[in-house]
C-alpha atoms as a PDB file:
ATOM      1  CA  MET A   1     200.914-154.859 185.270  1.00  0.00           C
ATOM      2  CA  ASN A   2     199.672-152.262 187.821  1.00  0.00           C
ATOM      3  CA  PHE A   3     200.061-149.528 185.298  1.00  0.00           C
ATOM      4  CA  TYR A   4     197.775-151.435 182.715  1.00  0.00           C
ATOM      5  CA  ASN A   5     195.050-151.735 185.489  1.00  0.00           C
ATOM      6  CA  VAL A   6     195.089-148.115 186.408  1.00  0.00           C
ATOM      7  CA  GLU A   7     192.403-145.905 184.873  1.00  0.00           C
ATOM      8  CA  GLN A   8     194.078-144.321 181.834  1.00  0.00           C
ATOM      9  CA  PHE A   9     191.292-142.202 180.513  1.00  0.00           C
ATOM     10  CA  ASP A  10     192.788-139.013 182.230  1.00  0.00           C
ATOM     11  CA  ILE A  11     195.983-139.438 180.220  1.00  0.00           C
ATOM     12  CA  ASP A  12     194.158-139.757 176.923  1.00  0.00           C
ATOM     13  CA  VAL A  13     191.894-136.789 177.619  1.00  0.00           C
ATOM     14  CA  SER A  14     194.732-134.580 178.617  1.00  0.00           C
ATOM     15  CA  VAL A  15     196.104-134.382 175.024  1.00  0.00           C
ATOM     16  CA  GLY A  16     192.610-133.203 173.914  1.00  0.00           C
ATOM     17  CA  GLN A  17     192.696-130.450 176.715  1.00  0.00           C
ATOM     18  CA  ILE A  18     195.743-128.679 175.222  1.00  0.00           C
ATOM     19  CA  TYR A  19     193.884-127.604 172.181  1.00  0.00           C
ATOM     20  CA  PHE A  20     193.426-124.180 173.778  1.00  0.00           C
ATOM     21  CA  PHE A  21     197.119-123.649 172.550  1.00  0.00           C
ATOM     22  CA  TRP A  22     195.948-124.038 168.939  1.00  0.00           C
ATOM     23  CA  ASN A  23     196.422-120.511 168.181  1.00  0.00           C
ATOM     24  CA  ASN A  24     200.028-120.770 169.228  1.00  0.00           C
ATOM     25  CA  LYS A  25     201.471-123.667 167.283  1.00  0.00           C
ATOM     26  CA  PRO A  26     204.914-123.454 168.765  1.00  0.00           C
ATOM     27  CA  ASN A  27     203.512-123.762 172.304  1.00  0.00           C
ATOM     28  CA  MET A  28     201.261-126.655 171.269  1.00  0.00           C
ATOM     29  CA  THR A  29     204.206-128.384 169.587  1.00  0.00           C
ATOM     30  CA  TYR A  30     206.316-127.925 172.656  1.00  0.00           C
ATOM     31  CA  ILE A  31     203.678-129.421 175.009  1.00  0.00           C
ATOM     32  CA  TYR A  32     203.025-132.365 172.793  1.00  0.00           C
ATOM     33  CA  ASP A  33     206.629-133.181 172.079  1.00  0.00           C
ATOM     34  CA  ASN A  34     208.020-132.760 175.616  1.00  0.00           C
ATOM     35  CA  ILE A  35     205.139-133.863 177.803  1.00  0.00           C
ATOM     36  CA  TYR A  36     202.424-135.871 176.090  1.00  0.00           C
ATOM     37  CA  ASN A  37     204.271-137.802 173.484  1.00  0.00           C
ATOM     38  CA  PRO A  38     206.862-139.248 176.021  1.00  0.00           C
ATOM     39  CA  LEU A  39     203.921-140.161 178.231  1.00  0.00           C
ATOM     40  CA  GLY A  40     202.095-141.815 175.329  1.00  0.00           C
ATOM     41  CA  GLU A  41     205.157-143.741 174.244  1.00  0.00           C
ATOM     42  CA  VAL A  42     205.647-145.198 177.715  1.00  0.00           C
ATOM     43  CA  LYS A  43     201.882-145.870 177.973  1.00  0.00           C
ATOM     44  CA  GLY A  44     201.825-147.594 174.651  1.00  0.00           C
ATOM     45  CA  ARG A  45     204.806-149.806 175.313  1.00  0.00           C
ATOM     46  CA  ILE A  46     203.485-151.024 178.685  1.00  0.00           C
ATOM     47  CA  ASN A  47     199.998-151.734 177.254  1.00  0.00           C
ATOM     48  CA  SER A  48     201.323-153.486 174.138  1.00  0.00           C
ATOM     49  CA  HIS A  49     203.374-155.886 176.260  1.00  0.00           C
ATOM     50  CA  TYR A  50     200.780-156.372 179.058  1.00  0.00           C
ATOM     51  CA  TRP A  51     199.795-159.837 177.948  1.00  0.00           C
ATOM     52  CA  ASN A  52     203.314-160.981 177.767  1.00  0.00           C
ATOM     53  CA  PHE A  53     203.914-159.744 181.430  1.00  0.00           C
ATOM     54  CA  ARG A  54     200.729-161.462 182.539  1.00  0.00           C
ATOM     55  CA  ARG A  55     201.790-164.694 180.814  1.00  0.00           C
ATOM     56  CA  HIS A  56     205.114-164.561 182.487  1.00  0.00           C
ATOM     57  CA  LYS A  57     203.592-164.082 185.882  1.00  0.00           C
ATOM     58  CA  ASP A  58     201.380-166.953 185.551  1.00  0.00           C
ATOM     59  CA  GLY A  59     204.330-169.054 184.136  1.00  0.00           C
ATOM     60  CA  THR A  60     203.098-169.651 180.472  1.00  0.00           C
ATOM     61  CA  ALA A  61     205.588-167.246 178.761  1.00  0.00           C
ATOM     62  CA  THR A  62     209.371-167.636 178.178  1.00  0.00           C
ATOM     63  CA  THR A  63     211.508-165.665 180.443  1.00  0.00           C
ATOM     64  CA  GLU A  64     213.899-164.528 177.783  1.00  0.00           C
ATOM     65  CA  ARG A  65     211.234-162.914 175.652  1.00  0.00           C
ATOM     66  CA  VAL A  66     209.459-161.151 178.571  1.00  0.00           C
ATOM     67  CA  MET A  67     212.794-159.912 179.945  1.00  0.00           C
ATOM     68  CA  SER A  68     213.425-158.230 176.393  1.00  0.00           C
ATOM     69  CA  PHE A  69     210.051-156.463 176.811  1.00  0.00           C
ATOM     70  CA  ILE A  70     210.866-155.312 180.400  1.00  0.00           C
ATOM     71  CA  ASN A  71     214.150-154.042 179.142  1.00  0.00           C
ATOM     72  CA  GLU A  72     212.355-152.078 176.329  1.00  0.00           C
ATOM     73  CA  VAL A  73     210.046-150.471 178.920  1.00  0.00           C
ATOM     74  CA  GLU A  74     212.741-149.880 181.553  1.00  0.00           C
ATOM     75  CA  SER A  75     214.966-148.142 179.004  1.00  0.00           C
ATOM     76  CA  LEU A  76     212.264-145.508 178.575  1.00  0.00           C
ATOM     77  CA  LEU A  77     211.940-144.994 182.388  1.00  0.00           C
ATOM     78  CA  TYR A  78     215.391-145.328 183.950  1.00  0.00           C
ATOM     79  CA  TYR A  79     218.979-145.264 183.274  1.00  0.00           C
ATOM     80  CA  VAL A  80     221.950-146.492 185.391  1.00  0.00           C
ATOM     81  CA  LYS A  81     224.425-143.850 186.446  1.00  0.00           C
ATOM     82  CA  GLU A  82     227.853-145.103 187.288  1.00  0.00           C
ATOM     83  CA  GLU A  83     230.591-143.018 188.691  1.00  0.00           C
ATOM     84  CA  HIS A  84     233.783-143.108 190.836  1.00  0.00           C
ATOM     85  CA  VAL A  85     233.645-141.161 193.993  1.00  0.00           C
ATOM     86  CA  GLY A  86     237.003-141.054 195.629  1.00  0.00           C
ATOM     87  CA  GLY A  87     238.159-144.731 195.621  1.00  0.00           C
ATOM     88  CA  THR A  88     234.587-146.154 195.467  1.00  0.00           C
ATOM     89  CA  TYR A  89     232.714-147.310 192.459  1.00  0.00           C
ATOM     90  CA  CYS A  90     228.999-146.274 192.795  1.00  0.00           C
ATOM     91  CA  THR A  91     225.921-147.200 190.763  1.00  0.00           C
ATOM     92  CA  SER A  92     222.568-145.598 191.041  1.00  0.00           C
ATOM     93  CA  VAL A  93     219.369-145.890 189.099  1.00  0.00           C
ATOM     94  CA  VAL A  94     217.872-142.613 187.858  1.00  0.00           C
ATOM     95  CA  ASN A  95     214.290-142.136 187.021  1.00  0.00           C
ATOM     96  CA  LYS A  96     214.878-140.364 183.765  1.00  0.00           C
ATOM     97  CA  PHE A  97     211.293-140.330 182.626  1.00  0.00           C
ATOM     98  CA  ALA A  98     209.785-138.715 185.880  1.00  0.00           C
ATOM     99  CA  ASP A  99     212.695-136.307 186.044  1.00  0.00           C
ATOM    100  CA  ALA A 100     212.208-135.039 182.466  1.00  0.00           C
ATOM    101  CA  ILE A 101     208.418-134.692 182.772  1.00  0.00           C
ATOM    102  CA  TYR A 102     208.739-132.921 186.178  1.00  0.00           C
ATOM    103  CA  TYR A 103     211.399-130.515 184.766  1.00  0.00           C
ATOM    104  CA  GLU A 104     209.160-129.559 181.835  1.00  0.00           C
ATOM    105  CA  LEU A 105     206.075-129.116 184.097  1.00  0.00           C
ATOM    106  CA  ALA A 106     208.004-127.094 186.676  1.00  0.00           C
ATOM    107  CA  ASN A 107     209.550-124.724 184.130  1.00  0.00           C
ATOM    108  CA  LYS A 108     208.515-123.867 180.645  1.00  0.00           C
ATOM    109  CA  PHE A 109     205.072-125.510 180.988  1.00  0.00           C
ATOM    110  CA  TYR A 110     204.534-123.563 184.229  1.00  0.00           C
ATOM    111  CA  ILE A 111     205.389-120.356 182.512  1.00  0.00           C
ATOM    112  CA  LEU A 112     202.970-121.148 179.667  1.00  0.00           C
ATOM    113  CA  MET A 113     200.180-121.780 181.998  1.00  0.00           C
ATOM    114  CA  TYR A 114     200.752-119.070 184.821  1.00  0.00           C
ATOM    115  CA  GLY A 115     203.066-116.590 183.368  1.00  0.00           C
ATOM    116  CA  THR A 116     206.682-115.533 184.142  1.00  0.00           C
ATOM    117  CA  LYS A 117     205.692-113.467 187.054  1.00  0.00           C
ATOM    118  CA  ALA A 118     204.029-116.377 188.989  1.00  0.00           C
ATOM    119  CA  TYR A 119     206.974-118.655 187.937  1.00  0.00           C
ATOM    120  CA  LYS A 120     209.455-116.224 189.549  1.00  0.00           C
ATOM    121  CA  LYS A 121     207.212-115.712 192.660  1.00  0.00           C
ATOM    122  CA  SER A 122     207.086-119.562 193.086  1.00  0.00           C
ATOM    123  CA  GLY A 123     210.892-119.630 193.134  1.00  0.00           C
ATOM    124  CA  GLY A 124     211.649-120.388 189.442  1.00  0.00           C
ATOM    125  CA  GLU A 125     214.754-119.019 187.994  1.00  0.00           C
ATOM    126  CA  GLU A 126     215.223-117.435 184.457  1.00  0.00           C
ATOM    127  CA  VAL A 127     214.839-120.015 181.875  1.00  0.00           C
END
């Protein structure tokens, strides 16, 4: 619900700002597919279910229906990692959405924006 109330104008405008890559269709496609489209999908899912979340919070919606919407949004954001370490069974929650976006921004996108030389100087390794 907090995401819905945050100013989302910057997210919408950012897609328009990548048009300087129009002369390089592969780069534009890469940026859209790997950064803006996943962000737009999460944004769209959260915003489309906002009223159900709000109704759940005020007690007028059924719990089962809202939980299915929460599971839908969470499946885009997180995954549960289960592993055995020694004799111990461990479960952790991994923020797959943020990790994927950060990886793209810190690697190929960084190279597109600032060049390979700046990428290597900032500590980046060969991609």
